[in-house]
């Protein structure tokens, strides 16, 4: 089980500082959607140069031209990109084609997918590496959690699962009991007074459960 840090702050400088503070305890560094939109592809190369041994995920949430968008991120140094599960199946397939071409990986994000089990099975057949169970920030603000969907999919599909959405020290135990491949934590670490300390505590729990 891996720990992924979602960095959604809006400057490269802040993102690089957070990654440096927490990198000892993080397996995957995520350049979040707001961050990649604000700062651009240049940040991918900067982050990878500073953390060459860490997996680097770019949360593109691609909705169209899957191969094209994945290509320029992989070429800049990304190891993993995301494509939306609600996208056309050809868009998802394009992102997967790009990943195979570059020897990299794709997460298909199930945010707002109505039938997550069916779509997860479809993308698994296409060769996706992970399915993402994700409650977005707007959904979290409405009281939603990824736990229920994680429980359903963990029993229904074989593809490795990535889980994200408001996860913190208080909710972590129920999440890791479902044994996802990757646990994504954002604000609980990036918004903490001492991000390194919280990352260490979360990492310790995940390692113990793995």
N, C-alpha and C. Protein backbone atom coordinates (compact mmCIF):
# COMPACT_ATOMS: atom_id res chain seq x y z
N UNK A 1 0.84 -1.19 0.00
CA UNK A 1 0.00 0.00 0.00
C UNK A 1 0.89 1.25 0.00
N UNK A 2 0.60 2.16 -0.93
CA UNK A 2 1.42 3.36 -1.08
C UNK A 2 0.68 4.60 -0.60
N UNK A 3 1.46 5.59 -0.17
CA UNK A 3 0.91 6.88 0.22
C UNK A 3 1.22 7.91 -0.86
N UNK A 4 0.16 8.55 -1.34
CA UNK A 4 0.30 9.59 -2.36
C UNK A 4 -0.07 10.94 -1.75
N UNK A 5 0.78 11.93 -1.95
CA UNK A 5 0.51 13.27 -1.46
C UNK A 5 -0.05 14.12 -2.59
N UNK A 6 -1.29 14.60 -2.42
CA UNK A 6 -1.92 15.47 -3.41
C UNK A 6 -1.60 16.92 -3.09
N UNK A 7 -0.88 17.56 -3.99
CA UNK A 7 -0.49 18.96 -3.78
C UNK A 7 -1.31 19.83 -4.72
N UNK A 8 -2.21 20.62 -4.14
CA UNK A 8 -3.11 21.46 -4.93
C UNK A 8 -2.85 22.95 -4.74
N UNK A 9 -1.80 23.30 -4.01
CA UNK A 9 -1.47 24.72 -3.83
C UNK A 9 -1.17 25.35 -5.18
N UNK A 10 -1.21 26.68 -5.25
CA UNK A 10 -1.21 27.31 -6.56
C UNK A 10 0.10 27.95 -7.00
N UNK A 11 1.20 27.64 -6.36
CA UNK A 11 2.48 28.09 -6.90
C UNK A 11 3.47 26.93 -6.88
N UNK A 12 4.36 26.96 -7.86
CA UNK A 12 5.40 25.93 -7.92
C UNK A 12 6.27 25.95 -6.67
N UNK A 13 6.58 27.15 -6.20
CA UNK A 13 7.45 27.28 -5.03
C UNK A 13 6.86 26.59 -3.82
N UNK A 14 5.56 26.83 -3.56
CA UNK A 14 4.90 26.18 -2.42
C UNK A 14 4.88 24.67 -2.60
N UNK A 15 4.60 24.23 -3.81
CA UNK A 15 4.54 22.79 -4.08
C UNK A 15 5.88 22.12 -3.85
N UNK A 16 6.93 22.75 -4.31
CA UNK A 16 8.27 22.17 -4.16
C UNK A 16 8.68 22.12 -2.69
N UNK A 17 8.30 23.13 -1.93
CA UNK A 17 8.61 23.13 -0.49
C UNK A 17 7.87 22.00 0.22
N UNK A 18 6.59 21.82 -0.08
CA UNK A 18 5.81 20.75 0.54
C UNK A 18 6.37 19.37 0.19
N UNK A 19 6.74 19.19 -1.06
CA UNK A 19 7.30 17.90 -1.48
C UNK A 19 8.62 17.63 -0.76
N UNK A 20 9.44 18.64 -0.61
CA UNK A 20 10.72 18.47 0.08
C UNK A 20 10.52 18.10 1.54
N UNK A 21 9.58 18.77 2.21
CA UNK A 21 9.33 18.53 3.63
C UNK A 21 8.84 17.11 3.91
N UNK A 22 8.06 16.57 2.99
CA UNK A 22 7.36 15.31 3.26
C UNK A 22 7.90 14.11 2.48
N UNK A 23 8.83 14.32 1.59
CA UNK A 23 9.22 13.27 0.63
C UNK A 23 9.70 11.98 1.30
N UNK A 24 10.26 12.09 2.47
CA UNK A 24 10.76 10.89 3.17
C UNK A 24 9.64 9.89 3.43
N UNK A 25 8.42 10.37 3.56
CA UNK A 25 7.31 9.51 3.95
C UNK A 25 6.31 9.27 2.83
N UNK A 26 6.56 9.83 1.66
CA UNK A 26 5.63 9.76 0.54
C UNK A 26 6.17 8.84 -0.55
N UNK A 27 5.27 8.03 -1.12
CA UNK A 27 5.67 7.15 -2.23
C UNK A 27 5.41 7.80 -3.58
N UNK A 28 4.29 8.51 -3.68
CA UNK A 28 3.89 9.14 -4.95
C UNK A 28 3.60 10.62 -4.68
N UNK A 29 4.24 11.48 -5.43
CA UNK A 29 3.97 12.92 -5.35
C UNK A 29 2.98 13.27 -6.45
N UNK A 30 1.87 13.88 -6.06
CA UNK A 30 0.85 14.27 -7.03
C UNK A 30 0.85 15.77 -7.27
N UNK A 31 1.00 16.15 -8.52
CA UNK A 31 0.75 17.53 -8.92
C UNK A 31 -0.74 17.60 -9.23
N UNK A 32 -1.50 18.24 -8.31
CA UNK A 32 -2.95 18.25 -8.39
C UNK A 32 -3.49 19.04 -9.57
N UNK A 33 -4.77 18.87 -9.84
CA UNK A 33 -5.40 19.51 -11.00
C UNK A 33 -5.29 21.04 -10.96
N UNK A 34 -5.66 21.70 -9.84
CA UNK A 34 -5.51 23.16 -9.84
C UNK A 34 -4.07 23.60 -10.05
N UNK A 35 -3.14 22.83 -9.50
CA UNK A 35 -1.72 23.19 -9.59
C UNK A 35 -1.19 23.06 -11.01
N UNK A 36 -1.51 21.97 -11.70
CA UNK A 36 -1.00 21.80 -13.06
C UNK A 36 -1.64 22.82 -14.00
N UNK A 37 -2.90 23.19 -13.74
CA UNK A 37 -3.55 24.21 -14.57
C UNK A 37 -2.92 25.59 -14.35
N UNK A 38 -2.55 25.85 -13.11
CA UNK A 38 -2.02 27.17 -12.76
C UNK A 38 -0.56 27.32 -13.18
N UNK A 39 0.22 26.27 -12.99
CA UNK A 39 1.67 26.37 -13.18
C UNK A 39 2.18 25.74 -14.47
N UNK A 40 1.45 24.80 -15.04
CA UNK A 40 1.84 24.24 -16.33
C UNK A 40 2.84 23.10 -16.26
N UNK A 41 3.16 22.61 -17.46
CA UNK A 41 3.98 21.40 -17.62
C UNK A 41 5.39 21.59 -17.06
N UNK A 42 5.88 22.80 -17.04
CA UNK A 42 7.23 23.05 -16.53
C UNK A 42 7.43 22.49 -15.13
N UNK A 43 6.38 22.54 -14.31
CA UNK A 43 6.49 22.05 -12.94
C UNK A 43 6.75 20.55 -12.89
N UNK A 44 6.25 19.81 -13.87
CA UNK A 44 6.49 18.36 -13.91
C UNK A 44 7.99 18.08 -13.95
N UNK A 45 8.67 18.76 -14.86
CA UNK A 45 10.11 18.55 -14.99
C UNK A 45 10.88 19.00 -13.75
N UNK A 46 10.46 20.12 -13.17
CA UNK A 46 11.11 20.61 -11.95
C UNK A 46 10.97 19.61 -10.81
N UNK A 47 9.74 19.13 -10.61
CA UNK A 47 9.48 18.20 -9.51
C UNK A 47 10.24 16.89 -9.71
N UNK A 48 10.24 16.39 -10.93
CA UNK A 48 10.92 15.11 -11.20
C UNK A 48 12.43 15.23 -11.01
N UNK A 49 12.97 16.36 -11.39
CA UNK A 49 14.41 16.57 -11.24
C UNK A 49 14.81 16.57 -9.77
N UNK A 50 13.96 17.11 -8.91
CA UNK A 50 14.25 17.17 -7.48
C UNK A 50 13.94 15.87 -6.75
N UNK A 51 13.05 15.06 -7.33
CA UNK A 51 12.66 13.79 -6.67
C UNK A 51 12.66 12.66 -7.70
N UNK A 52 13.81 12.35 -8.25
CA UNK A 52 13.87 11.38 -9.35
C UNK A 52 13.49 9.96 -8.94
N UNK A 53 13.58 9.64 -7.65
CA UNK A 53 13.28 8.29 -7.21
C UNK A 53 11.83 8.11 -6.78
N UNK A 54 11.07 9.20 -6.75
CA UNK A 54 9.66 9.13 -6.39
C UNK A 54 8.80 9.00 -7.65
N UNK A 55 7.68 8.27 -7.53
CA UNK A 55 6.72 8.28 -8.63
C UNK A 55 6.03 9.64 -8.63
N UNK A 56 5.81 10.17 -9.82
CA UNK A 56 5.20 11.49 -9.97
C UNK A 56 3.90 11.34 -10.76
N UNK A 57 2.80 11.69 -10.11
CA UNK A 57 1.49 11.63 -10.75
C UNK A 57 1.02 13.03 -11.09
N UNK A 58 0.51 13.19 -12.31
CA UNK A 58 -0.08 14.46 -12.73
C UNK A 58 -1.59 14.23 -12.87
N UNK A 59 -2.34 14.95 -12.05
CA UNK A 59 -3.79 14.74 -12.01
C UNK A 59 -4.47 15.57 -13.09
N UNK A 60 -4.34 15.12 -14.32
CA UNK A 60 -4.88 15.83 -15.47
C UNK A 60 -6.41 15.84 -15.50
N UNK A 61 -7.00 14.77 -15.02
CA UNK A 61 -8.45 14.58 -15.17
C UNK A 61 -8.86 14.81 -16.63
N UNK A 62 -8.16 14.17 -17.52
CA UNK A 62 -8.41 14.35 -18.96
C UNK A 62 -9.83 13.93 -19.34
N UNK A 63 -10.46 14.77 -20.16
CA UNK A 63 -11.83 14.50 -20.63
C UNK A 63 -11.88 14.32 -22.14
N UNK A 64 -10.80 14.68 -22.84
CA UNK A 64 -10.74 14.56 -24.29
C UNK A 64 -9.27 14.43 -24.68
N UNK A 65 -9.01 14.04 -25.90
CA UNK A 65 -7.66 13.86 -26.45
C UNK A 65 -6.72 13.19 -25.44
N UNK A 66 -7.10 12.00 -25.03
CA UNK A 66 -6.37 11.30 -23.97
C UNK A 66 -4.92 11.02 -24.27
N UNK A 67 -4.65 10.55 -25.48
CA UNK A 67 -3.27 10.22 -25.83
C UNK A 67 -2.40 11.48 -25.90
N UNK A 68 -2.94 12.53 -26.49
CA UNK A 68 -2.19 13.78 -26.65
C UNK A 68 -1.81 14.38 -25.29
N UNK A 69 -2.78 14.49 -24.39
CA UNK A 69 -2.49 15.10 -23.09
C UNK A 69 -1.53 14.23 -22.27
N UNK A 70 -1.72 12.93 -22.31
CA UNK A 70 -0.83 12.04 -21.57
C UNK A 70 0.59 12.11 -22.13
N UNK A 71 0.71 12.17 -23.45
CA UNK A 71 2.03 12.21 -24.09
C UNK A 71 2.90 13.34 -23.55
N UNK A 72 2.36 14.57 -23.52
CA UNK A 72 3.24 15.67 -23.14
C UNK A 72 3.57 15.67 -21.65
N UNK A 73 2.73 15.03 -20.85
CA UNK A 73 3.06 14.90 -19.42
C UNK A 73 4.13 13.82 -19.19
N UNK A 74 3.98 12.70 -19.87
CA UNK A 74 5.00 11.65 -19.75
C UNK A 74 6.35 12.14 -20.27
N UNK A 75 6.32 12.87 -21.36
CA UNK A 75 7.57 13.39 -21.93
C UNK A 75 8.24 14.40 -21.01
N UNK A 76 7.45 15.07 -20.16
CA UNK A 76 8.00 16.04 -19.21
C UNK A 76 8.52 15.39 -17.93
N UNK A 77 8.19 14.10 -17.72
CA UNK A 77 8.71 13.41 -16.54
C UNK A 77 7.69 12.74 -15.65
N UNK A 78 6.39 12.82 -16.00
CA UNK A 78 5.37 12.16 -15.19
C UNK A 78 5.50 10.64 -15.30
N UNK A 79 5.15 9.97 -14.22
CA UNK A 79 5.11 8.50 -14.21
C UNK A 79 3.69 7.98 -14.34
N UNK A 80 2.73 8.78 -13.88
CA UNK A 80 1.32 8.40 -13.87
C UNK A 80 0.49 9.63 -14.24
N UNK A 81 -0.57 9.43 -15.03
CA UNK A 81 -1.53 10.51 -15.27
C UNK A 81 -2.93 9.98 -14.99
N UNK A 82 -3.88 10.91 -14.83
CA UNK A 82 -5.26 10.50 -14.62
C UNK A 82 -6.11 10.91 -15.82
N UNK A 83 -7.12 10.08 -16.09
CA UNK A 83 -8.12 10.36 -17.11
C UNK A 83 -9.47 10.08 -16.46
N UNK A 84 -10.48 10.85 -16.82
CA UNK A 84 -11.78 10.71 -16.17
C UNK A 84 -12.55 9.50 -16.69
N UNK A 85 -13.13 8.77 -15.75
CA UNK A 85 -13.95 7.62 -16.11
C UNK A 85 -15.21 7.99 -16.86
N UNK A 86 -15.66 9.25 -16.73
CA UNK A 86 -16.85 9.69 -17.47
C UNK A 86 -16.51 10.10 -18.90
N UNK A 87 -15.24 10.11 -19.24
CA UNK A 87 -14.84 10.45 -20.61
C UNK A 87 -15.26 9.34 -21.57
N UNK A 88 -15.26 9.66 -22.85
CA UNK A 88 -15.52 8.65 -23.87
C UNK A 88 -14.49 7.53 -23.75
N UNK A 89 -14.91 6.33 -24.03
CA UNK A 89 -14.02 5.18 -23.87
C UNK A 89 -12.77 5.31 -24.76
N UNK A 90 -12.90 6.00 -25.91
CA UNK A 90 -11.76 6.21 -26.79
C UNK A 90 -10.74 7.17 -26.16
N UNK A 91 -11.23 8.12 -25.39
CA UNK A 91 -10.33 9.03 -24.68
C UNK A 91 -9.52 8.27 -23.64
N UNK A 92 -10.20 7.41 -22.89
CA UNK A 92 -9.52 6.59 -21.88
C UNK A 92 -8.51 5.67 -22.57
N UNK A 93 -8.93 5.06 -23.65
CA UNK A 93 -8.04 4.17 -24.40
C UNK A 93 -6.81 4.92 -24.89
N UNK A 94 -6.99 6.17 -25.33
CA UNK A 94 -5.87 6.97 -25.80
C UNK A 94 -4.84 7.21 -24.71
N UNK A 95 -5.32 7.51 -23.50
CA UNK A 95 -4.40 7.72 -22.38
C UNK A 95 -3.63 6.45 -22.06
N UNK A 96 -4.31 5.32 -22.16
CA UNK A 96 -3.66 4.03 -21.90
C UNK A 96 -2.63 3.72 -22.98
N UNK A 97 -2.96 4.01 -24.23
CA UNK A 97 -2.01 3.83 -25.33
C UNK A 97 -0.74 4.63 -25.08
N UNK A 98 -0.91 5.87 -24.65
CA UNK A 98 0.24 6.73 -24.35
C UNK A 98 1.08 6.13 -23.23
N UNK A 99 0.42 5.66 -22.19
CA UNK A 99 1.15 5.08 -21.05
C UNK A 99 1.97 3.87 -21.48
N UNK A 100 1.37 3.00 -22.26
CA UNK A 100 2.08 1.80 -22.72
C UNK A 100 3.27 2.20 -23.60
N UNK A 101 3.07 3.21 -24.42
CA UNK A 101 4.12 3.69 -25.33
C UNK A 101 5.33 4.20 -24.56
N UNK A 102 5.06 4.87 -23.43
CA UNK A 102 6.14 5.47 -22.63
C UNK A 102 6.59 4.60 -21.46
N UNK A 103 5.96 3.45 -21.28
CA UNK A 103 6.29 2.60 -20.14
C UNK A 103 5.84 3.20 -18.82
N UNK A 104 4.69 3.89 -18.85
CA UNK A 104 4.17 4.59 -17.67
C UNK A 104 2.79 4.05 -17.30
N UNK A 105 2.04 4.77 -16.44
CA UNK A 105 0.78 4.25 -15.91
C UNK A 105 -0.35 5.27 -15.99
N UNK A 106 -1.58 4.73 -15.92
CA UNK A 106 -2.79 5.55 -15.97
C UNK A 106 -3.74 5.17 -14.83
N UNK A 107 -4.29 6.20 -14.18
CA UNK A 107 -5.39 6.03 -13.24
C UNK A 107 -6.66 6.53 -13.91
N UNK A 108 -7.70 5.71 -13.92
CA UNK A 108 -9.00 6.15 -14.41
C UNK A 108 -9.82 6.58 -13.20
N UNK A 109 -10.10 7.87 -13.13
CA UNK A 109 -10.77 8.48 -11.98
C UNK A 109 -12.28 8.35 -12.12
N UNK A 110 -12.92 7.71 -11.14
CA UNK A 110 -14.34 7.41 -11.21
C UNK A 110 -15.24 8.51 -10.66
N UNK A 111 -14.71 9.70 -10.42
CA UNK A 111 -15.54 10.79 -9.93
C UNK A 111 -16.72 11.02 -10.87
N UNK A 112 -17.93 10.99 -10.30
CA UNK A 112 -19.19 11.22 -11.03
C UNK A 112 -19.57 10.14 -12.03
N UNK A 113 -18.89 9.00 -12.01
CA UNK A 113 -19.33 7.87 -12.83
C UNK A 113 -20.50 7.19 -12.12
N UNK A 114 -21.61 7.01 -12.81
CA UNK A 114 -22.81 6.44 -12.18
C UNK A 114 -22.63 4.96 -11.87
N UNK A 115 -22.17 4.19 -12.85
CA UNK A 115 -21.97 2.75 -12.66
C UNK A 115 -20.47 2.47 -12.61
N UNK A 116 -19.91 2.62 -11.43
CA UNK A 116 -18.46 2.52 -11.27
C UNK A 116 -17.94 1.11 -11.52
N UNK A 117 -18.71 0.11 -11.13
CA UNK A 117 -18.25 -1.27 -11.29
C UNK A 117 -18.12 -1.62 -12.77
N UNK A 118 -19.15 -1.30 -13.55
CA UNK A 118 -19.11 -1.61 -14.99
C UNK A 118 -17.96 -0.87 -15.67
N UNK A 119 -17.81 0.41 -15.39
CA UNK A 119 -16.75 1.18 -16.04
C UNK A 119 -15.38 0.68 -15.59
N UNK A 120 -15.24 0.31 -14.32
CA UNK A 120 -13.95 -0.22 -13.83
C UNK A 120 -13.57 -1.50 -14.58
N UNK A 121 -14.54 -2.35 -14.82
CA UNK A 121 -14.27 -3.59 -15.55
C UNK A 121 -13.89 -3.30 -17.01
N UNK A 122 -14.55 -2.31 -17.60
CA UNK A 122 -14.26 -1.93 -18.99
C UNK A 122 -12.82 -1.42 -19.12
N UNK A 123 -12.42 -0.53 -18.22
CA UNK A 123 -11.08 0.05 -18.36
C UNK A 123 -9.99 -0.94 -17.96
N UNK A 124 -10.33 -1.87 -17.09
CA UNK A 124 -9.38 -2.94 -16.76
C UNK A 124 -9.06 -3.77 -18.00
N UNK A 125 -10.09 -4.05 -18.79
CA UNK A 125 -9.90 -4.82 -20.03
C UNK A 125 -9.05 -4.05 -21.03
N UNK A 126 -9.14 -2.72 -21.00
CA UNK A 126 -8.34 -1.90 -21.91
C UNK A 126 -6.87 -1.82 -21.49
N UNK A 127 -6.60 -2.18 -20.24
CA UNK A 127 -5.21 -2.15 -19.76
C UNK A 127 -4.89 -1.02 -18.81
N UNK A 128 -5.91 -0.37 -18.24
CA UNK A 128 -5.65 0.66 -17.24
C UNK A 128 -4.90 0.05 -16.06
N UNK A 129 -4.07 0.84 -15.42
CA UNK A 129 -3.27 0.35 -14.31
C UNK A 129 -4.00 0.44 -12.97
N UNK A 130 -4.81 1.49 -12.83
CA UNK A 130 -5.54 1.71 -11.58
C UNK A 130 -6.92 2.29 -11.89
N UNK A 131 -7.83 2.07 -10.95
CA UNK A 131 -9.09 2.79 -10.92
C UNK A 131 -9.08 3.66 -9.67
N UNK A 132 -9.48 4.92 -9.83
CA UNK A 132 -9.48 5.85 -8.71
C UNK A 132 -10.87 6.03 -8.13
N UNK A 133 -11.02 5.79 -6.84
CA UNK A 133 -12.26 6.05 -6.12
C UNK A 133 -12.09 7.41 -5.46
N UNK A 134 -12.91 8.37 -5.85
CA UNK A 134 -12.58 9.76 -5.55
C UNK A 134 -13.82 10.57 -5.22
N UNK A 135 -13.85 11.13 -4.02
CA UNK A 135 -14.84 12.15 -3.68
C UNK A 135 -14.15 13.50 -3.81
N UNK A 136 -14.60 14.29 -4.78
CA UNK A 136 -14.00 15.60 -4.99
C UNK A 136 -14.28 16.56 -3.85
N UNK A 137 -13.61 17.69 -3.85
CA UNK A 137 -13.75 18.65 -2.76
C UNK A 137 -15.18 19.16 -2.67
N UNK A 138 -15.81 19.43 -3.79
CA UNK A 138 -17.20 19.88 -3.75
C UNK A 138 -18.10 18.80 -3.15
N UNK A 139 -17.82 17.55 -3.45
CA UNK A 139 -18.60 16.45 -2.88
C UNK A 139 -18.31 16.29 -1.39
N UNK A 140 -17.04 16.45 -1.01
CA UNK A 140 -16.70 16.38 0.41
C UNK A 140 -17.43 17.47 1.19
N UNK A 141 -17.51 18.65 0.61
CA UNK A 141 -18.21 19.75 1.27
C UNK A 141 -19.69 19.47 1.45
N UNK A 142 -20.22 18.54 0.64
CA UNK A 142 -21.61 18.13 0.76
C UNK A 142 -21.76 16.89 1.63
N UNK A 143 -20.65 16.48 2.26
CA UNK A 143 -20.69 15.36 3.21
C UNK A 143 -20.40 14.00 2.64
N UNK A 144 -19.93 13.92 1.40
CA UNK A 144 -19.65 12.62 0.80
C UNK A 144 -18.26 12.12 1.16
N UNK A 145 -18.13 10.79 1.14
CA UNK A 145 -16.87 10.11 1.44
C UNK A 145 -16.65 9.02 0.40
N UNK A 146 -15.39 8.69 0.10
CA UNK A 146 -15.13 7.62 -0.88
C UNK A 146 -15.27 6.21 -0.29
N UNK A 147 -15.52 6.10 1.02
CA UNK A 147 -15.46 4.80 1.69
C UNK A 147 -16.46 3.80 1.15
N UNK A 148 -17.71 4.21 0.97
CA UNK A 148 -18.74 3.27 0.51
C UNK A 148 -18.40 2.71 -0.87
N UNK A 149 -17.98 3.58 -1.79
CA UNK A 149 -17.61 3.11 -3.12
C UNK A 149 -16.36 2.23 -3.08
N UNK A 150 -15.44 2.56 -2.21
CA UNK A 150 -14.23 1.75 -2.07
C UNK A 150 -14.59 0.34 -1.62
N UNK A 151 -15.50 0.22 -0.67
CA UNK A 151 -15.91 -1.10 -0.18
C UNK A 151 -16.55 -1.91 -1.30
N UNK A 152 -17.41 -1.27 -2.10
CA UNK A 152 -18.09 -1.97 -3.19
C UNK A 152 -17.11 -2.44 -4.25
N UNK A 153 -16.25 -1.55 -4.68
CA UNK A 153 -15.34 -1.91 -5.76
C UNK A 153 -14.27 -2.90 -5.33
N UNK A 154 -13.84 -2.80 -4.09
CA UNK A 154 -12.79 -3.72 -3.62
C UNK A 154 -13.28 -5.17 -3.65
N UNK A 155 -14.60 -5.36 -3.57
CA UNK A 155 -15.17 -6.70 -3.63
C UNK A 155 -15.54 -7.13 -5.05
N UNK A 156 -15.69 -6.14 -5.94
CA UNK A 156 -16.27 -6.43 -7.26
C UNK A 156 -15.26 -6.49 -8.39
N UNK A 157 -14.08 -5.86 -8.23
CA UNK A 157 -13.12 -5.80 -9.33
C UNK A 157 -11.73 -6.20 -8.85
N UNK A 158 -10.90 -6.58 -9.82
CA UNK A 158 -9.54 -7.02 -9.50
C UNK A 158 -8.49 -5.94 -9.74
N UNK A 159 -8.84 -4.91 -10.48
CA UNK A 159 -7.87 -3.87 -10.81
C UNK A 159 -7.45 -3.12 -9.53
N UNK A 160 -6.18 -2.77 -9.39
CA UNK A 160 -5.74 -2.02 -8.21
C UNK A 160 -6.50 -0.71 -8.05
N UNK A 161 -6.81 -0.36 -6.80
CA UNK A 161 -7.62 0.81 -6.50
C UNK A 161 -6.81 1.92 -5.84
N UNK A 162 -7.10 3.13 -6.26
CA UNK A 162 -6.54 4.35 -5.65
C UNK A 162 -7.72 5.06 -4.99
N UNK A 163 -7.56 5.48 -3.73
CA UNK A 163 -8.68 6.12 -3.05
C UNK A 163 -8.28 7.51 -2.56
N UNK A 164 -9.19 8.48 -2.81
CA UNK A 164 -8.91 9.87 -2.46
C UNK A 164 -10.20 10.57 -2.04
N UNK A 165 -10.05 11.55 -1.17
CA UNK A 165 -11.21 12.36 -0.81
C UNK A 165 -11.36 12.59 0.67
N UNK A 166 -10.70 13.61 1.20
CA UNK A 166 -10.88 13.98 2.59
C UNK A 166 -10.28 13.02 3.60
N UNK A 167 -9.33 12.22 3.17
CA UNK A 167 -8.74 11.21 4.07
C UNK A 167 -7.79 11.89 5.05
N UNK A 168 -7.93 11.52 6.32
CA UNK A 168 -7.06 12.06 7.37
C UNK A 168 -6.80 10.99 8.42
N UNK A 169 -6.12 11.34 9.48
CA UNK A 169 -5.79 10.36 10.52
C UNK A 169 -7.03 9.72 11.14
N UNK A 170 -8.12 10.48 11.22
CA UNK A 170 -9.34 9.96 11.83
C UNK A 170 -10.07 8.97 10.94
N UNK A 171 -9.98 9.13 9.63
CA UNK A 171 -10.71 8.26 8.70
C UNK A 171 -9.82 7.18 8.09
N UNK A 172 -8.55 7.24 8.37
CA UNK A 172 -7.58 6.39 7.67
C UNK A 172 -7.78 4.90 7.94
N UNK A 173 -8.11 4.53 9.16
CA UNK A 173 -8.20 3.11 9.51
C UNK A 173 -9.24 2.38 8.67
N UNK A 174 -10.41 2.99 8.48
CA UNK A 174 -11.46 2.35 7.67
C UNK A 174 -11.04 2.23 6.21
N UNK A 175 -10.31 3.20 5.74
CA UNK A 175 -9.84 3.18 4.35
C UNK A 175 -8.83 2.05 4.14
N UNK A 176 -7.83 2.00 4.98
CA UNK A 176 -6.78 1.00 4.77
C UNK A 176 -7.26 -0.42 5.05
N UNK A 177 -8.36 -0.56 5.78
CA UNK A 177 -8.92 -1.90 6.01
C UNK A 177 -9.41 -2.53 4.71
N UNK A 178 -9.72 -1.67 3.71
CA UNK A 178 -10.16 -2.17 2.40
C UNK A 178 -8.98 -2.51 1.49
N UNK A 179 -7.79 -2.23 1.94
CA UNK A 179 -6.55 -2.57 1.25
C UNK A 179 -6.45 -2.02 -0.19
N UNK A 180 -6.65 -0.72 -0.37
CA UNK A 180 -6.40 -0.14 -1.69
C UNK A 180 -4.91 -0.17 -2.00
N UNK A 181 -4.58 -0.06 -3.26
CA UNK A 181 -3.17 -0.03 -3.66
C UNK A 181 -2.51 1.29 -3.26
N UNK A 182 -3.29 2.38 -3.38
CA UNK A 182 -2.76 3.72 -3.09
C UNK A 182 -3.78 4.50 -2.27
N UNK A 183 -3.29 5.14 -1.20
CA UNK A 183 -4.11 6.04 -0.39
C UNK A 183 -3.62 7.46 -0.67
N UNK A 184 -4.55 8.32 -1.11
CA UNK A 184 -4.20 9.70 -1.46
C UNK A 184 -4.63 10.63 -0.33
N UNK A 185 -3.68 11.41 0.16
CA UNK A 185 -3.97 12.39 1.21
C UNK A 185 -3.52 13.76 0.72
N UNK A 186 -4.39 14.72 0.87
CA UNK A 186 -4.07 16.08 0.44
C UNK A 186 -4.05 17.04 1.60
N UNK A 187 -5.21 17.68 1.84
CA UNK A 187 -5.29 18.75 2.82
C UNK A 187 -4.87 18.38 4.23
N UNK A 188 -5.06 17.12 4.63
CA UNK A 188 -4.67 16.71 5.98
C UNK A 188 -3.17 16.88 6.20
N UNK A 189 -2.41 16.80 5.11
CA UNK A 189 -0.96 17.01 5.19
C UNK A 189 -0.60 18.43 4.77
N UNK A 190 -1.07 18.85 3.60
CA UNK A 190 -0.64 20.15 3.07
C UNK A 190 -1.17 21.32 3.89
N UNK A 191 -2.30 21.11 4.58
CA UNK A 191 -2.87 22.18 5.39
C UNK A 191 -2.46 22.14 6.85
N UNK A 192 -1.62 21.17 7.20
CA UNK A 192 -1.21 21.03 8.60
C UNK A 192 -0.13 22.04 8.97
N UNK A 193 -0.07 22.39 10.25
CA UNK A 193 0.98 23.29 10.71
C UNK A 193 2.35 22.65 10.54
N UNK A 194 2.38 21.32 10.69
CA UNK A 194 3.63 20.58 10.52
C UNK A 194 3.38 19.43 9.53
N UNK A 195 3.45 19.69 8.22
CA UNK A 195 3.14 18.66 7.22
C UNK A 195 4.01 17.41 7.37
N UNK A 196 5.27 17.59 7.70
CA UNK A 196 6.18 16.45 7.84
C UNK A 196 5.71 15.52 8.95
N UNK A 197 5.29 16.08 10.06
CA UNK A 197 4.84 15.28 11.21
C UNK A 197 3.60 14.46 10.86
N UNK A 198 2.63 15.08 10.20
CA UNK A 198 1.40 14.37 9.83
C UNK A 198 1.69 13.32 8.77
N UNK A 199 2.52 13.64 7.80
CA UNK A 199 2.90 12.66 6.78
C UNK A 199 3.54 11.44 7.41
N UNK A 200 4.37 11.66 8.39
CA UNK A 200 5.03 10.56 9.09
C UNK A 200 4.02 9.68 9.80
N UNK A 201 3.04 10.28 10.46
CA UNK A 201 2.04 9.51 11.20
C UNK A 201 1.17 8.69 10.24
N UNK A 202 0.76 9.31 9.14
CA UNK A 202 -0.07 8.61 8.17
C UNK A 202 0.72 7.48 7.51
N UNK A 203 1.95 7.78 7.15
CA UNK A 203 2.82 6.76 6.54
C UNK A 203 3.00 5.56 7.47
N UNK A 204 3.19 5.83 8.74
CA UNK A 204 3.40 4.76 9.73
C UNK A 204 2.19 3.84 9.79
N UNK A 205 0.99 4.42 9.77
CA UNK A 205 -0.23 3.61 9.80
C UNK A 205 -0.36 2.75 8.55
N UNK A 206 -0.04 3.34 7.42
CA UNK A 206 -0.16 2.60 6.15
C UNK A 206 0.86 1.46 6.10
N UNK A 207 2.09 1.76 6.51
CA UNK A 207 3.13 0.71 6.51
C UNK A 207 2.73 -0.45 7.43
N UNK A 208 2.16 -0.12 8.56
CA UNK A 208 1.77 -1.14 9.52
C UNK A 208 0.68 -2.05 8.95
N UNK A 209 -0.21 -1.46 8.14
CA UNK A 209 -1.31 -2.22 7.58
C UNK A 209 -0.95 -2.98 6.31
N UNK A 210 0.18 -2.65 5.72
CA UNK A 210 0.56 -3.25 4.44
C UNK A 210 1.08 -4.67 4.60
